Amino acid sequence: MQQIEIGSLVYRKSYEKDVLFRVSDIIFNRGKKIIILKGVYVRLVADAEEDDLDILKGQEQIFGK
């Protein structure tokens, strides 16, 4: 599996991949890795645990090609 890093494009599995996010920060809270997300097409800031995220692979998928 590809490593999640700042700048990665991701979806949240728990929300059925409804919003595309870019990783803006990675923090550790009580031993858990928390990923801070910013919406790409919607104005939204969220957080998620790493295991709730799927990394978008390839630019083709963004544009549906």
PDB file of N, CA and C in Angstrom:
ATOM      1  N   MET A   1       0.831  -1.193   0.000  1.00  0.00           N
ATOM      2  CA  MET A   1       0.000   0.000   0.000  1.00  0.00           C
ATOM      3  C   MET A   1       0.867   1.245   0.000  1.00  0.00           C
ATOM      4  N   GLN A   2       0.430   2.226  -0.748  1.00  0.00           N
ATOM      5  CA  GLN A   2       1.157   3.485  -0.842  1.00  0.00           C
ATOM      6  C   GLN A   2       1.051   4.245   0.480  1.00  0.00           C
ATOM      7  N   GLN A   3       2.097   4.938   0.853  1.00  0.00           N
ATOM      8  CA  GLN A   3       2.157   5.688   2.106  1.00  0.00           C
ATOM      9  C   GLN A   3       1.383   7.004   1.977  1.00  0.00           C
ATOM     10  N   ILE A   4       0.577   7.333   2.973  1.00  0.00           N
ATOM     11  CA  ILE A   4      -0.122   8.619   3.001  1.00  0.00           C
ATOM     12  C   ILE A   4       0.854   9.667   3.505  1.00  0.00           C
ATOM     13  N   GLU A   5       0.949  10.776   2.771  1.00  0.00           N
ATOM     14  CA  GLU A   5       1.835  11.868   3.147  1.00  0.00           C
ATOM     15  C   GLU A   5       1.147  13.188   2.835  1.00  0.00           C
ATOM     16  N   ILE A   6       1.691  14.271   3.334  1.00  0.00           N
ATOM     17  CA  ILE A   6       1.120  15.589   3.063  1.00  0.00           C
ATOM     18  C   ILE A   6       1.095  15.798   1.551  1.00  0.00           C
ATOM     19  N   GLY A   7      -0.064  16.212   1.052  1.00  0.00           N
ATOM     20  CA  GLY A   7      -0.246  16.419  -0.385  1.00  0.00           C
ATOM     21  C   GLY A   7      -0.948  15.262  -1.083  1.00  0.00           C
ATOM     22  N   SER A   8      -1.047  14.100  -0.429  1.00  0.00           N
ATOM     23  CA  SER A   8      -1.733  12.945  -1.027  1.00  0.00           C
ATOM     24  C   SER A   8      -3.209  13.262  -1.233  1.00  0.00           C
ATOM     25  N   LEU A   9      -3.781  12.721  -2.302  1.00  0.00           N
ATOM     26  CA  LEU A   9      -5.218  12.819  -2.545  1.00  0.00           C
ATOM     27  C   LEU A   9      -5.869  11.558  -2.009  1.00  0.00           C
ATOM     28  N   VAL A  10      -6.898  11.738  -1.162  1.00  0.00           N
ATOM     29  CA  VAL A  10      -7.514  10.596  -0.477  1.00  0.00           C
ATOM     30  C   VAL A  10      -9.033  10.740  -0.421  1.00  0.00           C
ATOM     31  N   TYR A  11      -9.682   9.595  -0.175  1.00  0.00           N
ATOM     32  CA  TYR A  11     -11.111   9.528   0.112  1.00  0.00           C
ATOM     33  C   TYR A  11     -11.282   8.875   1.472  1.00  0.00           C
ATOM     34  N   ARG A  12     -12.381   9.185   2.175  1.00  0.00           N
ATOM     35  CA  ARG A  12     -12.705   8.510   3.432  1.00  0.00           C
ATOM     36  C   ARG A  12     -13.631   7.334   3.133  1.00  0.00           C
ATOM     37  N   LYS A  13     -13.224   6.150   3.541  1.00  0.00           N
ATOM     38  CA  LYS A  13     -14.021   4.936   3.332  1.00  0.00           C
ATOM     39  C   LYS A  13     -15.348   5.009   4.078  1.00  0.00           C
ATOM     40  N   SER A  14     -15.328   5.544   5.301  1.00  0.00           N
ATOM     41  CA  SER A  14     -16.524   5.561   6.146  1.00  0.00           C
ATOM     42  C   SER A  14     -17.633   6.459   5.593  1.00  0.00           C
ATOM     43  N   TYR A  15     -17.307   7.339   4.673  1.00  0.00           N
ATOM     44  CA  TYR A  15     -18.307   8.197   4.045  1.00  0.00           C
ATOM     45  C   TYR A  15     -18.518   7.815   2.584  1.00  0.00           C
ATOM     46  N   GLU A  16     -18.198   6.570   2.261  1.00  0.00           N
ATOM     47  CA  GLU A  16     -18.396   6.009   0.928  1.00  0.00           C
ATOM     48  C   GLU A  16     -17.718   6.826  -0.174  1.00  0.00           C
ATOM     49  N   LYS A  17     -16.559   7.386   0.174  1.00  0.00           N
ATOM     50  CA  LYS A  17     -15.718   8.124  -0.780  1.00  0.00           C
ATOM     51  C   LYS A  17     -16.471   9.271  -1.450  1.00  0.00           C
ATOM     52  N   ASP A  18     -17.272   9.999  -0.668  1.00  0.00           N
ATOM     53  CA  ASP A  18     -18.112  11.046  -1.239  1.00  0.00           C
ATOM     54  C   ASP A  18     -17.374  12.340  -1.565  1.00  0.00           C
ATOM     55  N   VAL A  19     -16.248  12.607  -0.894  1.00  0.00           N
ATOM     56  CA  VAL A  19     -15.514  13.860  -1.104  1.00  0.00           C
ATOM     57  C   VAL A  19     -14.036  13.538  -1.311  1.00  0.00           C
ATOM     58  N   LEU A  20     -13.433  14.189  -2.296  1.00  0.00           N
ATOM     59  CA  LEU A  20     -11.997  14.055  -2.523  1.00  0.00           C
ATOM     60  C   LEU A  20     -11.271  15.068  -1.650  1.00  0.00           C
ATOM     61  N   PHE A  21     -10.264  14.598  -0.901  1.00  0.00           N
ATOM     62  CA  PHE A  21      -9.491  15.451   0.003  1.00  0.00           C
ATOM     63  C   PHE A  21      -8.018  15.433  -0.360  1.00  0.00           C
ATOM     64  N   ARG A  22      -7.323  16.503   0.051  1.00  0.00           N
ATOM     65  CA  ARG A  22      -5.864  16.552   0.011  1.00  0.00           C
ATOM     66  C   ARG A  22      -5.385  16.577   1.461  1.00  0.00           C
ATOM     67  N   VAL A  23      -4.381  15.771   1.772  1.00  0.00           N
ATOM     68  CA  VAL A  23      -3.823  15.730   3.126  1.00  0.00           C
ATOM     69  C   VAL A  23      -3.061  17.026   3.379  1.00  0.00           C
ATOM     70  N   SER A  24      -3.461  17.758   4.439  1.00  0.00           N
ATOM     71  CA  SER A  24      -2.798  19.027   4.739  1.00  0.00           C
ATOM     72  C   SER A  24      -1.855  18.933   5.938  1.00  0.00           C
ATOM     73  N   ASP A  25      -2.073  17.929   6.804  1.00  0.00           N
ATOM     74  CA  ASP A  25      -1.198  17.769   7.968  1.00  0.00           C
ATOM     75  C   ASP A  25      -1.374  16.364   8.529  1.00  0.00           C
ATOM     76  N   ILE A  26      -0.390  15.917   9.256  1.00  0.00           N
ATOM     77  CA  ILE A  26      -0.445  14.627   9.941  1.00  0.00           C
ATOM     78  C   ILE A  26      -0.004  14.872  11.378  1.00  0.00           C
ATOM     79  N   ILE A  27      -0.868  14.488  12.320  1.00  0.00           N
ATOM     80  CA  ILE A  27      -0.548  14.698  13.739  1.00  0.00           C
ATOM     81  C   ILE A  27      -0.706  13.377  14.486  1.00  0.00           C
ATOM     82  N   PHE A  28      -0.139  13.319  15.671  1.00  0.00           N
ATOM     83  CA  PHE A  28      -0.281  12.154  16.540  1.00  0.00           C
ATOM     84  C   PHE A  28      -0.989  12.599  17.808  1.00  0.00           C
ATOM     85  N   ASN A  29      -2.074  11.893  18.146  1.00  0.00           N
ATOM     86  CA  ASN A  29      -2.857  12.218  19.331  1.00  0.00           C
ATOM     87  C   ASN A  29      -3.145  10.928  20.089  1.00  0.00           C
ATOM     88  N   ARG A  30      -2.644  10.844  21.294  1.00  0.00           N
ATOM     89  CA  ARG A  30      -2.827   9.661  22.147  1.00  0.00           C
ATOM     90  C   ARG A  30      -2.410   8.380  21.441  1.00  0.00           C
ATOM     91  N   GLY A  31      -1.302   8.458  20.743  1.00  0.00           N
ATOM     92  CA  GLY A  31      -0.754   7.285  20.077  1.00  0.00           C
ATOM     93  C   GLY A  31      -1.387   6.941  18.746  1.00  0.00           C
ATOM     94  N   LYS A  32      -2.347   7.742  18.288  1.00  0.00           N
ATOM     95  CA  LYS A  32      -2.994   7.485  17.001  1.00  0.00           C
ATOM     96  C   LYS A  32      -2.555   8.520  15.977  1.00  0.00           C
ATOM     97  N   LYS A  33      -2.385   8.057  14.758  1.00  0.00           N
ATOM     98  CA  LYS A  33      -2.025   8.941  13.659  1.00  0.00           C
ATOM     99  C   LYS A  33      -3.314   9.534  13.092  1.00  0.00           C
ATOM    100  N   ILE A  34      -3.452  10.850  13.171  1.00  0.00           N
ATOM    101  CA  ILE A  34      -4.631  11.555  12.688  1.00  0.00           C
ATOM    102  C   ILE A  34      -4.237  12.385  11.465  1.00  0.00           C
ATOM    103  N   ILE A  35      -4.995  12.211  10.407  1.00  0.00           N
ATOM    104  CA  ILE A  35      -4.714  12.902   9.146  1.00  0.00           C
ATOM    105  C   ILE A  35      -5.689  14.082   9.023  1.00  0.00           C
ATOM    106  N   ILE A  36      -5.154  15.278   8.802  1.00  0.00           N
ATOM    107  CA  ILE A  36      -5.975  16.474   8.614  1.00  0.00           C
ATOM    108  C   ILE A  36      -6.174  16.650   7.107  1.00  0.00           C
ATOM    109  N   LEU A  37      -7.437  16.831   6.723  1.00  0.00           N
ATOM    110  CA  LEU A  37      -7.821  16.837   5.307  1.00  0.00           C
ATOM    111  C   LEU A  37      -8.475  18.150   4.913  1.00  0.00           C
ATOM    112  N   LYS A  38      -8.254  18.563   3.668  1.00  0.00           N
ATOM    113  CA  LYS A  38      -8.949  19.714   3.087  1.00  0.00           C
ATOM    114  C   LYS A  38      -9.618  19.258   1.801  1.00  0.00           C
ATOM    115  N   GLY A  39     -10.882  19.623   1.628  1.00  0.00           N
ATOM    116  CA  GLY A  39     -11.615  19.251   0.434  1.00  0.00           C
ATOM    117  C   GLY A  39     -10.988  19.863  -0.816  1.00  0.00           C
ATOM    118  N   VAL A  40     -10.984  19.099  -1.907  1.00  0.00           N
ATOM    119  CA  VAL A  40     -10.425  19.575  -3.169  1.00  0.00           C
ATOM    120  C   VAL A  40     -11.465  20.391  -3.932  1.00  0.00           C
ATOM    121  N   TYR A  41     -12.678  19.880  -4.035  1.00  0.00           N
ATOM    122  CA  TYR A  41     -13.728  20.546  -4.811  1.00  0.00           C
ATOM    123  C   TYR A  41     -14.776  21.222  -3.947  1.00  0.00           C
ATOM    124  N   VAL A  42     -14.762  20.971  -2.649  1.00  0.00           N
ATOM    125  CA  VAL A  42     -15.684  21.607  -1.714  1.00  0.00           C
ATOM    126  C   VAL A  42     -14.880  22.225  -0.587  1.00  0.00           C
ATOM    127  N   ARG A  43     -15.424  23.292  -0.015  1.00  0.00           N
ATOM    128  CA  ARG A  43     -14.731  23.971   1.077  1.00  0.00           C
ATOM    129  C   ARG A  43     -15.037  23.238   2.374  1.00  0.00           C
ATOM    130  N   LEU A  44     -14.127  22.354   2.755  1.00  0.00           N
ATOM    131  CA  LEU A  44     -14.363  21.476   3.891  1.00  0.00           C
ATOM    132  C   LEU A  44     -13.028  21.070   4.507  1.00  0.00           C
ATOM    133  N   VAL A  45     -12.962  21.092   5.831  1.00  0.00           N
ATOM    134  CA  VAL A  45     -11.793  20.595   6.555  1.00  0.00           C
ATOM    135  C   VAL A  45     -12.289  19.463   7.452  1.00  0.00           C
ATOM    136  N   ALA A  46     -11.555  18.363   7.471  1.00  0.00           N
ATOM    137  CA  ALA A  46     -11.952  17.194   8.250  1.00  0.00           C
ATOM    138  C   ALA A  46     -10.707  16.494   8.774  1.00  0.00           C
ATOM    139  N   ASP A  47     -10.936  15.507   9.628  1.00  0.00           N
ATOM    140  CA  ASP A  47      -9.827  14.662  10.060  1.00  0.00           C
ATOM    141  C   ASP A  47     -10.282  13.213   9.973  1.00  0.00           C
ATOM    142  N   ALA A  48      -9.303  12.322   9.935  1.00  0.00           N
ATOM    143  CA  ALA A  48      -9.606  10.891   9.841  1.00  0.00           C
ATOM    144  C   ALA A  48      -8.398  10.106  10.318  1.00  0.00           C
ATOM    145  N   GLU A  49      -8.670   8.911  10.809  1.00  0.00           N
ATOM    146  CA  GLU A  49      -7.571   8.004  11.121  1.00  0.00           C
ATOM    147  C   GLU A  49      -7.064   7.413   9.809  1.00  0.00           C
ATOM    148  N   GLU A  50      -5.822   7.038   9.804  1.00  0.00           N
ATOM    149  CA  GLU A  50      -5.179   6.561   8.580  1.00  0.00           C
ATOM    150  C   GLU A  50      -5.890   5.363   7.959  1.00  0.00           C
ATOM    151  N   ASP A  51      -6.400   4.453   8.776  1.00  0.00           N
ATOM    152  CA  ASP A  51      -7.028   3.250   8.225  1.00  0.00           C
ATOM    153  C   ASP A  51      -8.402   3.513   7.592  1.00  0.00           C
ATOM    154  N   ASP A  52      -8.935   4.732   7.739  1.00  0.00           N
ATOM    155  CA  ASP A  52     -10.207   5.102   7.121  1.00  0.00           C
ATOM    156  C   ASP A  52     -10.011   5.722   5.737  1.00  0.00           C
ATOM    157  N   LEU A  53      -8.771   5.840   5.292  1.00  0.00           N
ATOM    158  CA  LEU A  53      -8.495   6.548   4.044  1.00  0.00           C
ATOM    159  C   LEU A  53      -8.045   5.611   2.931  1.00  0.00           C
ATOM    160  N   ASP A  54      -8.482   5.936   1.722  1.00  0.00           N
ATOM    161  CA  ASP A  54      -7.998   5.299   0.494  1.00  0.00           C
ATOM    162  C   ASP A  54      -7.285   6.353  -0.312  1.00  0.00           C
ATOM    163  N   ILE A  55      -6.085   6.034  -0.780  1.00  0.00           N
ATOM    164  CA  ILE A  55      -5.318   6.969  -1.594  1.00  0.00           C
ATOM    165  C   ILE A  55      -5.797   6.890  -3.031  1.00  0.00           C
ATOM    166  N   LEU A  56      -5.981   8.048  -3.649  1.00  0.00           N
ATOM    167  CA  LEU A  56      -6.334   8.119  -5.062  1.00  0.00           C
ATOM    168  C   LEU A  56      -5.084   7.793  -5.866  1.00  0.00           C
ATOM    169  N   LYS A  57      -5.205   6.869  -6.787  1.00  0.00           N
ATOM    170  CA  LYS A  57      -4.046   6.441  -7.575  1.00  0.00           C
ATOM    171  C   LYS A  57      -4.178   6.937  -9.005  1.00  0.00           C
ATOM    172  N   GLY A  58      -3.308   7.817  -9.399  1.00  0.00           N
ATOM    173  CA  GLY A  58      -3.270   8.284 -10.776  1.00  0.00           C
ATOM    174  C   GLY A  58      -4.227   9.421 -11.068  1.00  0.00           C
ATOM    175  N   GLN A  59      -3.781  10.348 -11.866  1.00  0.00           N
ATOM    176  CA  GLN A  59      -4.557  11.524 -12.219  1.00  0.00           C
ATOM    177  C   GLN A  59      -5.780  11.171 -13.059  1.00  0.00           C
ATOM    178  N   GLU A  60      -5.753  10.030 -13.750  1.00  0.00           N
ATOM    179  CA  GLU A  60      -6.874   9.613 -14.599  1.00  0.00           C
ATOM    180  C   GLU A  60      -8.160   9.536 -13.802  1.00  0.00           C
ATOM    181  N   GLN A  61      -8.084   9.036 -12.576  1.00  0.00           N
ATOM    182  CA  GLN A  61      -9.274   8.825 -11.764  1.00  0.00           C
ATOM    183  C   GLN A  61      -9.936  10.121 -11.351  1.00  0.00           C
ATOM    184  N   ILE A  62      -9.175  11.193 -11.237  1.00  0.00           N
ATOM    185  CA  ILE A  62      -9.744  12.484 -10.847  1.00  0.00           C
ATOM    186  C   ILE A  62     -10.688  12.981 -11.934  1.00  0.00           C
ATOM    187  N   PHE A  63     -10.280  12.814 -13.174  1.00  0.00           N
ATOM    188  CA  PHE A  63     -11.035  13.355 -14.297  1.00  0.00           C
ATOM    189  C   PHE A  63     -11.919  12.305 -14.964  1.00  0.00           C
ATOM    190  N   GLY A  64     -11.933  11.094 -14.434  1.00  0.00           N
ATOM    191  CA  GLY A  64     -12.800  10.049 -14.962  1.00  0.00           C
ATOM    192  C   GLY A  64     -12.382   9.510 -16.315  1.00  0.00           C
ATOM    193  N   LYS A  65     -11.106   9.599 -16.643  1.00  0.00           N
ATOM    194  CA  LYS A  65     -10.615   9.089 -17.937  1.00  0.00           C
ATOM    195  C   LYS A  65     -10.284   7.627 -17.842  1.00  0.00           C
TER     196      LYS A  65
END
